[in-house]
Protein backbone atom coordinates (compact mmCIF):
# COMPACT_ATOMS: atom_id res chain seq x y z
CA MET A 1 -168.21 226.88 61.09
CA THR A 2 -165.01 225.78 59.59
CA ALA A 3 -163.11 222.98 61.08
CA THR A 4 -159.42 223.42 61.41
CA ILE A 5 -157.51 220.30 60.80
CA ASP A 6 -154.11 220.30 62.33
CA LYS A 7 -151.62 218.58 60.22
CA ILE A 8 -149.47 216.43 62.32
CA SER A 9 -146.10 215.80 60.84
CA PRO A 10 -144.80 212.29 61.19
CA ALA A 11 -142.52 211.79 64.09
CA ARG A 12 -138.89 211.82 63.15
CA PRO A 13 -136.60 209.31 64.67
CA ARG A 14 -134.31 210.74 67.26
CA SER A 15 -130.83 211.19 66.03
CA ARG A 16 -128.28 209.41 68.09
CA ALA A 17 -124.90 210.87 68.66
CA VAL A 18 -122.43 208.84 66.74
CA ARG A 19 -119.63 207.85 69.01
CA PRO A 20 -116.40 206.50 67.66
CA ARG A 21 -115.85 202.88 68.46
CA ARG A 22 -112.85 202.28 70.65
CA ASP A 23 -112.68 198.54 70.83
CA THR A 24 -109.21 197.84 72.13
CA SER A 25 -108.15 194.41 73.17
CA PRO A 26 -106.05 193.76 76.27
CA LEU A 27 -103.22 192.62 74.02
CA SER A 28 -103.09 195.94 72.13
CA ARG A 29 -103.16 197.91 75.38
CA SER A 30 -100.35 195.78 76.75
CA VAL A 31 -98.26 196.31 73.61
CA VAL A 32 -98.78 200.09 73.82
CA MET A 33 -97.82 200.17 77.50
CA VAL A 34 -94.69 198.10 76.85
CA LEU A 35 -93.60 200.39 74.01
CA LEU A 36 -94.24 203.51 76.09
CA SER A 37 -92.33 202.03 79.03
CA LEU A 38 -89.37 201.13 76.84
CA SER A 39 -89.35 204.62 75.31
CA SER A 40 -89.43 206.22 78.76
CA ILE A 41 -86.56 204.06 79.98
CA TYR A 42 -84.56 204.82 76.83
CA PHE A 43 -84.89 208.59 77.25
CA LEU A 44 -84.60 208.70 81.06
CA PHE A 45 -81.70 206.26 81.40
CA PRO A 46 -78.93 208.82 80.55
CA LEU A 47 -80.48 211.35 82.93
CA TRP A 48 -80.66 208.79 85.73
CA TRP A 49 -77.03 207.79 85.17
CA LEU A 50 -76.03 211.47 85.23
CA VAL A 51 -77.82 212.11 88.53
CA VAL A 52 -76.33 209.00 90.16
CA SER A 53 -72.79 209.67 88.92
CA ALA A 54 -72.78 213.37 89.81
CA THR A 55 -73.83 212.70 93.41
CA LYS A 56 -71.11 210.12 94.06
CA PRO A 57 -67.97 211.12 95.99
CA PHE A 58 -65.43 212.85 93.78
CA GLY A 59 -63.30 210.42 91.80
CA GLN A 60 -65.83 207.58 91.92
CA GLN A 61 -68.03 208.78 89.05
CA PHE A 62 -66.90 206.00 86.72
CA SER A 63 -66.49 203.23 89.28
CA GLY A 64 -68.97 200.85 90.85
CA SER A 65 -72.56 200.66 89.72
CA GLY A 66 -73.68 203.53 87.57
CA LEU A 67 -77.34 202.81 88.19
CA TRP A 68 -77.53 203.30 91.95
CA PHE A 69 -76.13 205.65 94.56
CA ASP A 70 -72.85 204.78 96.28
CA GLY A 71 -72.24 207.48 98.87
CA PHE A 72 -73.12 211.15 98.66
CA GLY A 73 -70.65 213.84 97.67
CA LEU A 74 -72.73 216.36 95.78
CA PHE A 75 -71.77 219.38 97.88
CA ASP A 76 -68.07 218.56 97.73
CA ASN A 77 -68.38 218.08 93.98
CA LEU A 78 -70.03 221.48 93.60
CA ALA A 79 -67.24 223.06 95.64
CA ARG A 80 -64.62 221.49 93.38
CA LEU A 81 -66.57 222.63 90.33
CA THR A 82 -66.58 226.18 91.66
CA ALA A 83 -62.86 226.12 92.44
CA GLN A 84 -61.83 224.84 89.01
CA ASN A 85 -60.22 227.57 86.88
CA GLY A 86 -61.36 230.33 89.19
CA GLY A 87 -65.06 229.46 88.96
CA ILE A 88 -65.28 229.91 85.21
CA PHE A 89 -68.06 227.33 85.04
CA TRP A 90 -70.50 229.75 86.64
CA GLN A 91 -69.41 232.40 84.14
CA TRP A 92 -70.36 229.97 81.40
CA MET A 93 -73.74 229.42 83.04
CA LEU A 94 -74.36 233.17 83.20
CA ASN A 95 -73.36 233.51 79.56
CA SER A 96 -75.78 230.77 78.56
CA LEU A 97 -78.59 232.36 80.56
CA LEU A 98 -77.84 235.71 78.92
CA TYR A 99 -77.76 234.31 75.40
CA CYS A 100 -80.86 232.18 75.95
CA GLY A 101 -82.87 234.77 77.85
CA VAL A 102 -82.25 237.68 75.48
CA GLY A 103 -82.35 235.53 72.35
CA ALA A 104 -85.57 233.75 73.35
CA LEU A 105 -87.35 236.95 74.39
CA VAL A 106 -86.42 238.92 71.29
CA GLY A 107 -86.94 235.91 69.05
CA THR A 108 -90.40 235.28 70.50
CA LEU A 109 -91.38 238.92 70.01
CA LEU A 110 -90.18 238.99 66.40
CA SER A 111 -91.85 235.65 65.66
CA ALA A 112 -95.12 236.84 67.18
CA MET A 113 -95.12 240.04 65.14
CA ALA A 114 -94.24 238.27 61.90
CA GLY A 115 -96.74 235.46 62.42
CA TYR A 116 -99.50 237.89 63.38
CA ALA A 117 -98.85 239.97 60.26
CA LEU A 118 -98.96 236.89 58.04
CA ALA A 119 -102.22 235.72 59.63
CA LYS A 120 -104.18 238.99 59.82
CA TYR A 121 -102.98 241.25 57.01
CA GLU A 122 -103.58 240.86 53.30
CA PHE A 123 -100.64 241.92 51.13
CA ARG A 124 -99.07 240.89 47.89
CA GLY A 125 -96.67 238.00 48.16
CA ARG A 126 -97.96 236.76 51.51
CA GLY A 127 -98.28 233.17 50.30
CA ALA A 128 -94.81 233.18 48.76
CA LEU A 129 -93.32 234.64 51.95
CA PHE A 130 -94.98 232.01 54.10
CA GLY A 131 -93.75 229.32 51.73
CA ALA A 132 -90.21 230.63 52.08
CA ILE A 133 -90.56 230.47 55.87
CA LEU A 134 -91.74 226.87 55.67
CA ALA A 135 -88.77 226.06 53.45
CA ALA A 136 -86.43 227.66 56.00
CA VAL A 137 -87.90 225.42 58.71
CA LEU A 138 -86.75 222.36 56.74
CA VAL A 139 -83.16 223.58 56.38
CA PRO A 140 -80.87 222.38 59.23
CA LYS A 141 -79.32 225.22 61.17
CA ILE A 142 -75.91 223.62 60.98
CA LEU A 143 -75.76 224.55 57.29
CA PHE A 144 -75.81 228.24 58.21
CA THR A 145 -72.85 228.01 60.58
CA LEU A 146 -70.04 228.50 58.08
CA PRO A 147 -71.78 231.34 56.15
CA LEU A 148 -72.53 233.09 59.44
CA TYR A 149 -68.91 232.73 60.54
CA LEU A 150 -67.65 234.21 57.28
CA MET A 151 -70.17 237.04 57.47
CA PHE A 152 -69.35 237.91 61.09
CA SER A 153 -65.65 237.69 60.30
CA GLY A 154 -66.12 240.21 57.50
CA VAL A 155 -67.88 242.74 59.77
CA GLY A 156 -65.56 242.24 62.76
CA LEU A 157 -67.99 240.48 65.11
CA ILE A 158 -65.83 237.44 65.85
CA ASN A 159 -65.37 236.94 69.57
CA ASN A 160 -68.35 239.19 70.21
CA PRO A 161 -71.58 238.14 72.01
CA LEU A 162 -73.58 239.63 69.13
CA ALA A 163 -72.31 236.83 66.91
CA VAL A 164 -74.35 234.44 69.07
CA LEU A 165 -77.32 236.70 69.84
CA LEU A 166 -78.11 237.90 66.32
CA PRO A 167 -78.68 234.44 64.75
CA SER A 168 -80.59 233.24 67.82
CA VAL A 169 -83.37 235.82 67.45
CA VAL A 170 -84.35 234.47 64.02
CA SER A 171 -86.68 231.48 64.20
CA PRO A 172 -88.63 230.36 61.10
CA PHE A 173 -90.31 227.68 63.18
CA GLY A 174 -91.44 230.33 65.68
CA VAL A 175 -92.89 232.42 62.87
CA TYR A 176 -94.75 229.37 61.58
CA LEU A 177 -96.22 228.60 65.00
CA SER A 178 -97.17 232.25 65.56
CA ARG A 179 -98.95 232.39 62.22
CA VAL A 180 -100.95 229.24 63.01
CA PHE A 181 -101.84 230.33 66.54
CA ALA A 182 -102.73 233.89 65.50
CA ALA A 183 -105.07 232.60 62.81
CA GLN A 184 -106.84 230.28 65.28
CA SER A 185 -106.87 232.22 68.56
CA VAL A 186 -107.33 235.85 67.46
CA PRO A 187 -110.76 236.36 65.83
CA ASP A 188 -111.00 238.88 63.02
CA GLU A 189 -114.02 240.43 64.75
CA VAL A 190 -111.89 241.38 67.74
CA VAL A 191 -109.34 243.07 65.50
CA GLU A 192 -112.08 244.99 63.68
CA ALA A 193 -113.63 246.06 66.98
CA GLY A 194 -110.29 247.46 68.09
CA ARG A 195 -109.98 249.41 64.86
CA LEU A 196 -113.50 250.83 65.24
CA ASP A 197 -112.58 251.99 68.75
CA GLY A 198 -109.71 253.97 67.28
CA ALA A 199 -106.84 251.78 68.47
CA SER A 200 -103.72 251.65 66.36
CA GLU A 201 -102.55 248.42 64.79
CA PHE A 202 -99.64 248.11 67.19
CA ARG A 203 -101.89 248.73 70.19
CA ILE A 204 -104.30 246.04 69.00
CA PHE A 205 -101.38 243.64 68.72
CA ARG A 206 -99.86 244.64 72.06
CA SER A 207 -103.00 244.91 74.20
CA ILE A 208 -105.34 242.35 72.65
CA SER A 209 -103.65 239.88 70.36
CA THR A 210 -100.64 239.07 72.53
CA LYS A 211 -102.90 238.18 75.47
CA MET A 212 -104.87 235.78 73.29
CA MET A 213 -101.64 234.32 71.92
CA LEU A 214 -99.92 234.06 75.32
CA PRO A 215 -99.91 230.23 75.55
CA ALA A 216 -98.46 230.04 72.06
CA LEU A 217 -95.83 232.65 72.87
CA VAL A 218 -94.72 230.68 75.92
CA THR A 219 -94.41 227.60 73.74
CA ILE A 220 -92.26 229.50 71.24
CA PHE A 221 -90.16 230.91 74.09
CA LEU A 222 -89.45 227.43 75.45
CA PHE A 223 -88.51 226.09 72.03
CA GLN A 224 -86.20 229.05 71.49
CA PHE A 225 -84.67 228.77 74.95
CA VAL A 226 -83.86 225.08 74.57
CA ASP A 227 -82.59 225.52 71.02
CA ILE A 228 -80.20 228.33 72.00
CA TRP A 229 -79.06 226.50 75.15
CA ASN A 230 -78.15 223.38 73.18
CA ASN A 231 -76.42 225.29 70.40
CA TYR A 232 -72.76 224.35 70.24
CA LEU A 233 -71.19 224.68 66.81
CA LEU A 234 -71.79 228.38 66.16
CA PRO A 235 -70.58 229.62 69.60
CA ALA A 236 -67.57 227.33 69.34
CA MET A 237 -66.59 228.91 66.02
CA VAL A 238 -67.25 232.59 66.76
CA LEU A 239 -66.19 232.77 70.44
CA SER A 240 -62.59 232.04 71.33
CA ASP A 241 -62.54 233.87 74.67
CA ASP A 242 -63.25 231.45 77.51
CA HIS A 243 -65.13 234.13 79.45
CA LEU A 244 -67.64 234.62 76.61
CA GLN A 245 -68.40 230.98 75.84
CA PRO A 246 -71.66 229.29 76.86
CA VAL A 247 -71.69 226.24 79.08
CA THR A 248 -71.99 223.79 76.17
CA VAL A 249 -68.75 224.98 74.60
CA GLY A 250 -67.01 225.21 77.97
CA LEU A 251 -67.87 221.66 79.00
CA ALA A 252 -66.81 220.34 75.61
CA GLY A 253 -63.44 222.06 76.10
CA TRP A 254 -63.08 220.52 79.53
CA ASN A 255 -63.93 217.10 78.14
CA ALA A 256 -61.22 217.47 75.49
CA SER A 257 -58.54 218.35 78.08
CA HIS A 258 -58.44 215.29 80.30
CA VAL A 259 -55.10 216.25 81.84
CA ALA A 260 -55.91 219.83 82.88
CA VAL A 261 -59.47 219.13 84.05
CA PRO A 262 -60.52 215.94 85.88
CA PRO A 263 -63.21 214.06 83.93
CA PRO A 264 -65.59 213.88 86.94
CA LEU A 265 -66.01 217.67 86.75
CA VAL A 266 -67.51 217.30 83.27
CA VAL A 267 -70.14 214.93 84.67
CA ILE A 268 -70.96 217.25 87.57
CA GLY A 269 -71.10 220.28 85.29
CA SER A 270 -73.38 218.44 82.88
CA LEU A 271 -75.89 217.81 85.66
CA VAL A 272 -75.83 221.44 86.77
CA SER A 273 -76.18 222.67 83.19
CA ILE A 274 -79.57 220.99 82.69
CA VAL A 275 -81.11 222.50 85.83
CA PRO A 276 -82.24 225.75 84.09
CA LEU A 277 -83.99 223.73 81.38
CA VAL A 278 -85.86 221.64 83.94
CA VAL A 279 -86.83 224.73 85.92
CA ALA A 280 -88.08 226.50 82.78
CA PHE A 281 -90.26 223.57 81.75
CA LEU A 282 -91.69 223.06 85.23
CA ALA A 283 -92.44 226.76 85.67
CA LEU A 284 -94.09 227.22 82.27
CA GLN A 285 -95.60 223.78 81.66
CA ARG A 286 -99.16 225.02 82.26
CA PHE A 287 -98.86 227.58 79.46
CA TRP A 288 -96.88 225.14 77.33
CA ARG A 289 -99.61 222.51 77.41
CA ALA A 290 -102.25 225.09 76.49
CA GLY A 291 -100.12 226.41 73.66
CA MET A 292 -99.57 222.97 72.17
CA THR A 293 -103.35 222.32 71.97
CA ALA A 294 -104.44 225.81 70.89
CA GLY A 295 -106.27 225.73 67.59
CA ALA A 296 -106.80 221.99 67.70
CA VAL A 297 -110.61 222.32 67.98
CA LYS A 298 -112.74 224.85 66.11
């Protein structure tokens, strides 16, 4: 009879999860809170002044305290804004919504396609192309204004909405974000499974990849929308017709003509002009937050 001796391995010490130490003193927390509070006040102070001034009775925008309400005349101010120059302000708002809506949608689609191709396809020169895109991100857009004006002047697109729409659909930063998000959120196994099922490359991108990249696409759309809305120099150079100008150029023209247009209308129009931006951020903030954190954790 053979005796079986069980070999008992020595007990290993239990591994403890290493947690990062977060020893923060009350002084450091207080300093951080003070800095954050000062930053919030610095960025929100102009917006608060704008809201207070625009709701004052007409003609009192620059009198009294600019930090608290002194009467309410918002509806009368909006009526005066509508009556000025035959309601051209609302034409400017529609123009801005058209330029931003079309430019952001097309620009997001092109950025998504380009970024997806850079992330999922192997081809010669991919690294050099991505490097060129990164270099384009670092170049300020204002440097392209004069060359674009000369180019559009040569092809007869001055005073044409295409002179504003065509440059707005190109976004190197959107391509960069799409490439990063596509590489992190679209697994290669899913793409291969779609190919094995007989789906075309475009169908895989349209039906599978875009749904996985949706938070990132919303983020790119918001960046594009805000960037096009705040664009001033290029529309001011290529659009001379008042009925084609966006609201940024129109308000700047009103501000320059103090005699023809009362200055309070510029304040009221400035408040109305930021409403679409606020609405866009509030409506899409859930997707925007998800898109900003996509790919942060593997």
